[in-house]
Amino acid sequence: MPRPTRIATLPLATASLFVTLLVSLLLSGPGNADSTYAPADKNLAVATFAGGCFWCVEEGFQKIPGVVEAVSGYSGGSESNPSYKQVAGGQTGHTEAVQVYYDPAIITYQGLLEGFWRFMDPTDQEGQFVDRGRQYRPVIYFHNTEQKRIAQASRDALQASARYEKPVVIEISPFGVFYAAEGYHQNYASKNPVRYKYYTFNSGRYQFIDSVWGDEQHLDFNRFRPQTAADGKPQGFNPNTFVRPSDDVLRQQLSPEQFRVARDDGTERAFNNPYWDEKRDGIYVDIVSGEPLFSSRDKFVSGTGWPSFTQPIGANNVVEKDDSTFFMSRTEIRSRYADSHLGHVFDDGPAPSGLRYCMNSAAMRFIPLEDMAAAGYGDYIDAVAEDER
């Protein structure tokens, strides 16, 4: 039987009618999942999310500008080409998931996450609303390190917001394989509006969303449009349009550690931060604004436990300020446009500058060389890739 756990939580009369609806659903043609699905447009970006019933998650993403296709299916399990009956019965380890194909020129991955939070419950690891069992557990499946970073930061900010009574515990896991679900599950909300509304009303999903988000569940997705240059290409940072968000907003967008360092002038722990031993080629940008700061070509092993550089990626990309805190005289380094506290500069570095820009990982974001063009930092590739070490 499909979705057996849903019925047990409903009143008897409601459950009886729901059984009738489910039986009619079975007659619409079950089959096996398909891992060969691919969108027609090869230029679309892809993201994968699980938030309980994939009918609801699919419909939620279909409402977000820039989402071209949202496909219901299964991910995170061991069985190849599982059927709906197998997944719903908890036999495969999969969870109901939705593969989202979106235009990165219209919506960012952060925008997808902000929408996702508003149609699921990230505090429940054992299911979602009326759907119980690990086959309905919520998961963010990241496809690359940048998605992982953004998802973790967004989850941490959500937890720090204290919006929920329970901890935010949603799983963030590497993407493996996605199997598109049987045809009768695709676009279910639009093809079966009466059945869908009946299910969602009785599931408790949107009553929960209303209680947690209220009017804030309606997003202005224009806030999450990527910056583009005049030629339409992605632009990683535009000083002419950047306006630093208020600290109240940044507390929602950044993790507590990122906010403490960048806005409260804190210092992270040595040897316990993401970039102190980062060896890949790429660019380091401000965590708030995305403004370019340092190139991996100028990074060196300082032995201090913090990421260290001989110079900024551009002479005017950072600002120096006198710092006399802690009974010391030091030179603080801040980002020019976001005014984030980055770290300090010392005169004990190697050639050619003899300087050591000792930075905090929490105030920066690393973009690997292979991702720089797509992220809008193509103009800086030569500053990273030339004269390879």
Protein backbone atom coordinates (compact mmCIF):
# COMPACT_ATOMS: atom_id res chain seq x y z
CA MET A 1 0.00 0.00 0.00
CA PRO A 2 1.37 3.46 -0.78
CA ARG A 3 1.96 5.89 2.07
CA PRO A 4 0.56 3.55 4.77
CA THR A 5 1.68 5.74 7.67
CA ARG A 6 -0.43 8.68 6.55
CA ILE A 7 -3.72 6.96 7.28
CA ALA A 8 -2.94 5.98 10.84
CA THR A 9 -2.70 9.57 12.02
CA LEU A 10 -6.01 10.73 10.53
CA PRO A 11 -9.51 10.54 12.05
CA LEU A 12 -11.43 7.39 11.09
CA ALA A 13 -13.86 9.05 8.64
CA THR A 14 -11.06 11.01 7.05
CA ALA A 15 -8.90 7.91 6.79
CA SER A 16 -11.68 6.01 5.05
CA LEU A 17 -12.02 8.64 2.36
CA PHE A 18 -8.26 8.86 2.04
CA VAL A 19 -8.04 5.09 1.43
CA THR A 20 -10.44 5.53 -1.46
CA LEU A 21 -8.25 8.23 -2.94
CA LEU A 22 -5.15 6.11 -2.55
CA VAL A 23 -6.74 3.11 -4.21
CA SER A 24 -7.65 5.25 -7.19
CA LEU A 25 -4.06 6.45 -7.24
CA LEU A 26 -2.82 2.86 -7.49
CA LEU A 27 -4.97 2.34 -10.55
CA SER A 28 -3.18 5.13 -12.38
CA GLY A 29 -0.25 2.89 -13.22
CA PRO A 30 2.61 2.12 -10.84
CA GLY A 31 6.01 1.18 -12.17
CA ASN A 32 9.67 1.48 -11.41
CA ALA A 33 11.70 4.62 -10.99
CA ASP A 34 13.95 5.87 -13.77
CA SER A 35 17.51 7.17 -13.31
CA THR A 36 17.87 8.32 -16.92
CA TYR A 37 15.82 11.51 -16.66
CA ALA A 38 17.62 14.65 -17.88
CA PRO A 39 16.30 18.16 -18.65
CA ALA A 40 16.12 19.38 -22.21
CA ASP A 41 18.23 22.47 -21.41
CA LYS A 42 21.80 21.40 -20.62
CA ASN A 43 22.67 24.88 -19.28
CA LEU A 44 20.45 24.52 -16.22
CA ALA A 45 21.93 24.03 -12.77
CA VAL A 46 20.70 21.15 -10.59
CA ALA A 47 19.88 20.82 -6.90
CA THR A 48 18.28 18.01 -4.92
CA PHE A 49 16.11 18.28 -1.82
CA ALA A 50 13.97 15.98 0.32
CA GLY A 51 11.24 17.39 2.52
CA GLY A 52 8.73 14.63 3.07
CA CYS A 53 5.97 14.10 0.52
CA PHE A 54 7.53 14.87 -2.85
CA TRP A 55 4.21 16.13 -4.20
CA CYS A 56 4.47 19.07 -1.79
CA VAL A 57 8.18 19.72 -2.30
CA GLU A 58 7.76 19.57 -6.08
CA GLU A 59 4.90 22.07 -5.99
CA GLY A 60 6.85 24.36 -3.66
CA PHE A 61 9.81 24.58 -6.01
CA GLN A 62 7.61 25.01 -9.07
CA LYS A 63 6.46 28.34 -7.61
CA ILE A 64 10.00 29.75 -7.39
CA PRO A 65 11.07 32.00 -10.30
CA GLY A 66 13.92 30.48 -12.27
CA VAL A 67 12.95 26.87 -11.55
CA VAL A 68 12.41 25.27 -14.95
CA GLU A 69 11.64 21.70 -13.88
CA ALA A 70 11.06 19.96 -10.55
CA VAL A 71 11.03 16.17 -10.73
CA SER A 72 9.73 13.89 -8.00
CA GLY A 73 11.83 10.83 -7.23
CA TYR A 74 14.02 8.96 -4.80
CA SER A 75 17.56 9.49 -3.51
CA GLY A 76 19.85 8.44 -0.69
CA GLY A 77 19.24 4.69 -0.73
CA SER A 78 20.96 1.53 -1.92
CA GLU A 79 18.40 -0.09 -4.25
CA SER A 80 18.75 0.56 -8.00
CA ASN A 81 15.61 1.79 -9.74
CA PRO A 82 13.37 1.36 -6.69
CA SER A 83 9.62 1.33 -7.02
CA TYR A 84 7.33 3.62 -5.07
CA LYS A 85 6.04 0.65 -3.12
CA GLN A 86 9.57 -0.26 -2.02
CA VAL A 87 10.47 3.29 -0.98
CA ALA A 88 7.17 4.00 0.76
CA GLY A 89 7.56 0.74 2.67
CA GLY A 90 10.98 1.83 3.94
CA GLN A 91 12.74 -1.09 2.24
CA THR A 92 15.54 0.75 0.38
CA GLY A 93 16.92 3.56 2.52
CA HIS A 94 15.81 6.15 -0.04
CA THR A 95 13.86 9.21 0.84
CA GLU A 96 11.28 10.88 -1.35
CA ALA A 97 13.21 13.68 -3.04
CA VAL A 98 12.86 16.33 -5.72
CA GLN A 99 15.47 17.13 -8.34
CA VAL A 100 15.33 20.83 -9.17
CA TYR A 101 16.60 22.16 -12.50
CA TYR A 102 16.96 25.92 -12.35
CA ASP A 103 18.36 28.84 -14.31
CA PRO A 104 21.29 30.23 -12.29
CA ALA A 105 20.91 33.54 -14.14
CA ILE A 106 17.49 34.00 -12.48
CA ILE A 107 17.75 32.39 -9.05
CA THR A 108 20.66 31.50 -6.80
CA TYR A 109 21.07 28.33 -4.78
CA GLN A 110 20.58 30.45 -1.66
CA GLY A 111 17.23 31.51 -3.09
CA LEU A 112 16.21 27.87 -3.51
CA LEU A 113 17.12 27.19 0.12
CA GLU A 114 15.13 30.18 1.38
CA GLY A 115 12.11 28.85 -0.47
CA PHE A 116 12.70 25.29 0.77
CA TRP A 117 12.70 26.34 4.42
CA ARG A 118 9.22 27.74 3.89
CA PHE A 119 7.50 24.52 2.86
CA MET A 120 9.01 21.89 5.18
CA ASP A 121 10.14 21.25 8.77
CA PRO A 122 13.94 21.09 9.22
CA THR A 123 13.63 20.03 12.87
CA ASP A 124 12.18 16.55 12.24
CA GLN A 125 14.61 13.79 11.19
CA GLU A 126 12.08 10.98 11.39
CA GLY A 127 9.62 12.13 8.74
CA GLN A 128 7.56 15.14 7.81
CA PHE A 129 4.16 15.93 9.31
CA VAL A 130 1.73 13.03 8.77
CA ASP A 131 4.35 11.03 6.85
CA ARG A 132 6.46 9.08 9.32
CA GLY A 133 9.55 7.00 8.71
CA ARG A 134 13.05 7.57 7.38
CA GLN A 135 11.73 7.38 3.82
CA TYR A 136 10.22 10.82 4.50
CA ARG A 137 13.22 12.33 6.30
CA PRO A 138 14.32 15.77 5.10
CA VAL A 139 17.72 16.01 3.41
CA ILE A 140 19.69 18.53 1.38
CA TYR A 141 21.80 16.61 -1.14
CA PHE A 142 24.67 18.85 -2.24
CA HIS A 143 26.17 18.41 -5.72
CA ASN A 144 29.42 20.32 -5.09
CA THR A 145 31.39 21.98 -2.33
CA GLU A 146 29.79 25.37 -2.97
CA GLN A 147 26.29 23.97 -2.45
CA LYS A 148 27.52 22.27 0.72
CA ARG A 149 28.94 25.52 2.06
CA ILE A 150 25.81 27.52 1.28
CA ALA A 151 23.51 24.85 2.71
CA GLN A 152 25.48 24.59 5.95
CA ALA A 153 25.62 28.37 6.38
CA SER A 154 21.90 28.69 5.68
CA ARG A 155 21.06 25.90 8.12
CA ASP A 156 23.28 27.44 10.81
CA ALA A 157 21.66 30.84 10.31
CA LEU A 158 18.22 29.27 10.59
CA GLN A 159 19.20 27.61 13.85
CA ALA A 160 20.65 30.87 15.19
CA SER A 161 17.40 32.68 14.40
CA ALA A 162 15.59 30.72 17.15
CA ARG A 163 12.56 30.56 14.87
CA TYR A 164 11.81 26.95 15.83
CA GLU A 165 11.14 25.52 19.26
CA LYS A 166 13.27 22.47 18.37
CA PRO A 167 16.83 22.35 17.01
CA VAL A 168 17.36 22.53 13.23
CA VAL A 169 18.70 19.05 12.48
CA ILE A 170 18.15 18.58 8.75
CA GLU A 171 20.70 16.26 7.15
CA ILE A 172 23.15 17.71 4.60
CA SER A 173 24.68 14.88 2.54
CA PRO A 174 26.58 14.42 -0.73
CA PHE A 175 24.40 13.67 -3.73
CA GLY A 176 24.60 10.15 -5.11
CA VAL A 177 21.95 8.94 -7.55
CA PHE A 178 18.48 10.28 -8.24
CA TYR A 179 15.71 8.08 -9.62
CA ALA A 180 12.72 9.84 -11.14
CA ALA A 181 9.48 8.49 -9.66
CA GLU A 182 6.73 6.84 -11.64
CA GLY A 183 4.84 9.06 -14.07
CA TYR A 184 1.68 9.37 -12.01
CA HIS A 185 3.66 11.15 -9.27
CA GLN A 186 4.99 13.89 -11.55
CA ASN A 187 3.20 17.27 -11.38
CA TYR A 188 0.75 15.65 -9.00
CA ALA A 189 -0.58 18.90 -7.55
CA SER A 190 -1.61 20.28 -10.94
CA LYS A 191 -2.95 16.98 -12.31
CA ASN A 192 -4.90 16.06 -9.16
CA PRO A 193 -5.80 19.37 -7.48
CA VAL A 194 -8.68 18.04 -5.36
CA ARG A 195 -6.79 15.04 -4.05
CA TYR A 196 -3.70 17.16 -3.46
CA LYS A 197 -5.54 19.85 -1.49
CA TYR A 198 -7.28 17.19 0.55
CA TYR A 199 -3.98 15.54 1.42
CA THR A 200 -2.11 18.77 2.25
CA PHE A 201 -4.93 20.05 4.45
CA ASN A 202 -4.95 16.86 6.51
CA SER A 203 -1.18 16.49 6.62
CA GLY A 204 -0.72 19.56 8.83
CA ARG A 205 2.15 20.84 6.67
CA TYR A 206 0.80 24.27 5.87
CA GLN A 207 -0.71 24.84 9.29
CA PHE A 208 2.83 24.35 10.62
CA ILE A 209 4.30 26.70 8.00
CA ASP A 210 1.76 29.39 8.90
CA SER A 211 2.56 29.08 12.60
CA VAL A 212 6.33 29.31 12.09
CA TRP A 213 6.66 31.81 9.25
CA GLY A 214 3.42 33.81 9.15
CA ASP A 215 3.68 36.60 6.57
CA GLU A 216 7.39 35.89 6.13
CA GLN A 217 6.61 32.75 4.16
CA HIS A 218 6.03 34.97 1.12
CA LEU A 219 9.45 35.82 -0.27
CA ASP A 220 10.58 38.50 -2.67
CA PHE A 221 12.76 36.27 -4.82
CA ASN A 222 14.25 39.30 -6.56
CA ARG A 223 16.52 39.46 -3.50
CA PHE A 224 18.07 36.19 -4.67
CA ARG A 225 18.72 37.04 -8.28
CA PRO A 226 22.41 36.69 -9.14
CA GLN A 227 24.28 39.83 -10.03
CA THR A 228 25.05 40.09 -13.74
CA ALA A 229 27.20 42.40 -15.81
CA ALA A 230 26.03 44.37 -18.86
CA ASP A 231 26.83 41.39 -21.11
CA GLY A 232 24.53 39.19 -19.08
CA LYS A 233 27.31 37.07 -17.60
CA PRO A 234 27.36 36.32 -13.85
CA GLN A 235 29.01 39.03 -11.79
CA GLY A 236 30.43 37.92 -8.49
CA PHE A 237 30.56 41.39 -6.97
CA ASN A 238 29.40 44.81 -8.13
CA PRO A 239 30.57 47.71 -5.93
CA ASN A 240 28.09 50.05 -7.62
CA THR A 241 25.07 48.09 -6.47
CA PHE A 242 26.23 46.47 -3.23
CA VAL A 243 24.50 47.60 -0.05
CA ARG A 244 25.53 45.86 3.13
CA PRO A 245 22.53 44.25 4.87
CA SER A 246 21.75 45.31 8.41
CA ASP A 247 23.23 43.30 11.25
CA ASP A 248 19.77 41.90 12.01
CA VAL A 249 19.60 40.50 8.49
CA LEU A 250 23.20 39.26 8.60
CA ARG A 251 22.48 37.35 11.80
CA GLN A 252 19.97 35.37 9.74
CA GLN A 253 22.29 34.90 6.77
CA LEU A 254 25.57 34.06 8.52
CA SER A 255 26.48 31.35 10.97
CA PRO A 256 27.06 32.54 14.55
CA GLU A 257 30.83 32.13 14.09
CA GLN A 258 30.83 34.06 10.81
CA PHE A 259 28.88 36.92 12.38
CA ARG A 260 31.11 36.96 15.48
CA VAL A 261 34.25 37.26 13.37
CA ALA A 262 33.10 39.49 10.50
CA ARG A 263 30.83 41.87 12.41
CA ASP A 264 31.98 41.63 16.04
CA ASP A 265 35.71 41.61 15.22
CA GLY A 266 36.24 38.16 16.68
CA THR A 267 39.04 35.68 16.07
CA GLU A 268 38.43 32.02 15.25
CA ARG A 269 40.44 29.18 16.73
CA ALA A 270 43.76 28.32 15.10
CA PHE A 271 43.94 24.98 13.25
CA ASN A 272 40.16 24.65 13.63
CA ASN A 273 38.82 26.58 10.66
CA PRO A 274 38.03 25.65 7.06
CA TYR A 275 40.85 27.30 5.11
CA TRP A 276 44.03 27.20 7.20
CA ASP A 277 45.19 24.12 5.24
CA GLU A 278 43.22 24.70 2.01
CA LYS A 279 45.57 23.84 -0.87
CA ARG A 280 43.35 24.13 -3.94
CA ASP A 281 43.65 26.92 -6.48
CA GLY A 282 40.92 29.51 -6.20
CA ILE A 283 39.84 32.89 -4.90
CA TYR A 284 38.88 34.02 -1.41
CA VAL A 285 36.00 36.52 -1.24
CA ASP A 286 34.23 38.40 1.54
CA ILE A 287 31.58 36.32 3.32
CA VAL A 288 29.08 39.21 3.31
CA SER A 289 29.58 40.94 -0.04
CA GLY A 290 31.50 38.49 -2.19
CA GLU A 291 34.13 41.15 -2.97
CA PRO A 292 37.46 39.58 -4.04
CA LEU A 293 40.12 39.54 -1.33
CA PHE A 294 42.95 37.03 -1.84
CA SER A 295 44.27 34.58 -4.41
CA SER A 296 45.45 31.07 -3.61
CA ARG A 297 48.61 31.95 -5.55
CA ASP A 298 49.61 34.28 -2.70
CA LYS A 299 48.74 31.83 0.07
CA PHE A 300 51.52 30.19 2.06
CA VAL A 301 51.94 27.84 4.99
CA SER A 302 52.63 30.10 7.97
CA GLY A 303 52.37 27.50 10.71
CA THR A 304 49.96 29.74 12.65
CA GLY A 305 46.78 27.75 12.00
CA TRP A 306 45.09 30.56 10.06
CA PRO A 307 45.01 31.15 6.29
CA SER A 308 47.94 33.43 5.46
CA PHE A 309 48.74 35.42 2.32
CA THR A 310 51.64 37.61 1.16
CA GLN A 311 49.32 40.21 -0.37
CA PRO A 312 45.68 40.94 -1.30
CA ILE A 313 44.48 40.09 -4.79
CA GLY A 314 44.40 43.84 -5.50
CA ALA A 315 46.16 46.74 -3.81
CA ASN A 316 42.89 48.52 -3.04
CA ASN A 317 40.79 45.47 -2.18
CA VAL A 318 41.29 45.72 1.57
CA VAL A 319 41.52 48.53 4.11
CA GLU A 320 44.11 48.89 6.88
CA LYS A 321 43.19 50.27 10.31
CA ASP A 322 45.14 50.82 13.51
CA ASP A 323 44.18 48.35 16.22
CA SER A 324 45.27 48.96 19.81
CA THR A 325 43.05 46.38 21.52
CA PHE A 326 44.45 43.84 23.99
CA PHE A 327 47.27 46.28 24.90
CA MET A 328 48.92 45.72 21.51
CA SER A 329 49.56 47.87 18.48
CA ARG A 330 48.55 46.01 15.32
CA THR A 331 47.28 46.70 11.82
CA GLU A 332 43.78 45.36 11.24
CA ILE A 333 42.59 44.31 7.77
CA ARG A 334 38.96 44.90 6.77
CA SER A 335 37.11 44.43 3.49
CA ARG A 336 36.59 47.69 1.62
CA TYR A 337 32.86 47.52 0.86
CA ALA A 338 31.33 45.17 3.45
CA ASP A 339 33.64 46.46 6.22
CA SER A 340 34.09 42.92 7.50
CA HIS A 341 36.83 42.24 10.01
CA LEU A 342 39.21 39.88 8.20
CA GLY A 343 42.30 39.69 10.42
CA HIS A 344 45.66 41.45 10.77
CA VAL A 345 48.81 42.00 8.74
CA PHE A 346 52.32 41.42 10.12
CA ASP A 347 55.82 42.06 8.74
CA ASP A 348 57.14 38.53 9.26
CA GLY A 349 56.02 37.03 5.94
CA PRO A 350 58.05 35.55 3.06
CA ALA A 351 59.17 37.22 -0.17
CA PRO A 352 58.23 39.03 -2.25
CA SER A 353 56.27 41.29 0.12
CA GLY A 354 57.72 40.22 3.47
CA LEU A 355 54.16 40.51 4.83
CA ARG A 356 51.81 38.00 6.42
CA TYR A 357 48.14 38.73 6.00
CA CYS A 358 46.76 36.50 8.76
CA MET A 359 43.06 36.09 8.00
CA ASN A 360 40.01 34.40 9.55
CA SER A 361 38.36 31.69 7.45
CA ALA A 362 34.98 32.65 8.91
CA ALA A 363 35.12 36.06 7.24
CA MET A 364 35.77 34.61 3.81
CA ARG A 365 34.35 32.24 1.23
CA PHE A 366 36.57 30.10 -1.00
CA ILE A 367 35.65 29.56 -4.65
CA PRO A 368 37.68 26.85 -6.44
CA LEU A 369 39.34 27.82 -9.71
CA GLU A 370 37.08 25.57 -11.76
CA ASP A 371 33.98 27.30 -10.36
CA MET A 372 35.18 30.90 -10.65
CA ALA A 373 33.78 31.67 -14.11
CA ALA A 374 30.34 30.31 -13.29
CA ALA A 375 30.35 32.25 -10.00
CA GLY A 376 31.12 35.52 -11.78
CA TYR A 377 34.84 35.79 -11.00
CA GLY A 378 36.17 35.00 -14.47
CA ASP A 379 38.13 38.26 -14.60
CA TYR A 380 40.30 37.00 -11.73
CA ILE A 381 41.21 33.62 -13.20
CA ASP A 382 44.59 34.88 -14.44
CA ALA A 383 45.40 36.15 -10.95
CA VAL A 384 44.87 32.62 -9.67
CA ALA A 385 45.98 30.34 -12.50
CA GLU A 386 49.05 32.03 -14.01
CA ASP A 387 52.52 31.13 -12.80
CA GLU A 388 51.24 27.85 -11.39
CA ARG A 389 53.13 26.70 -8.33
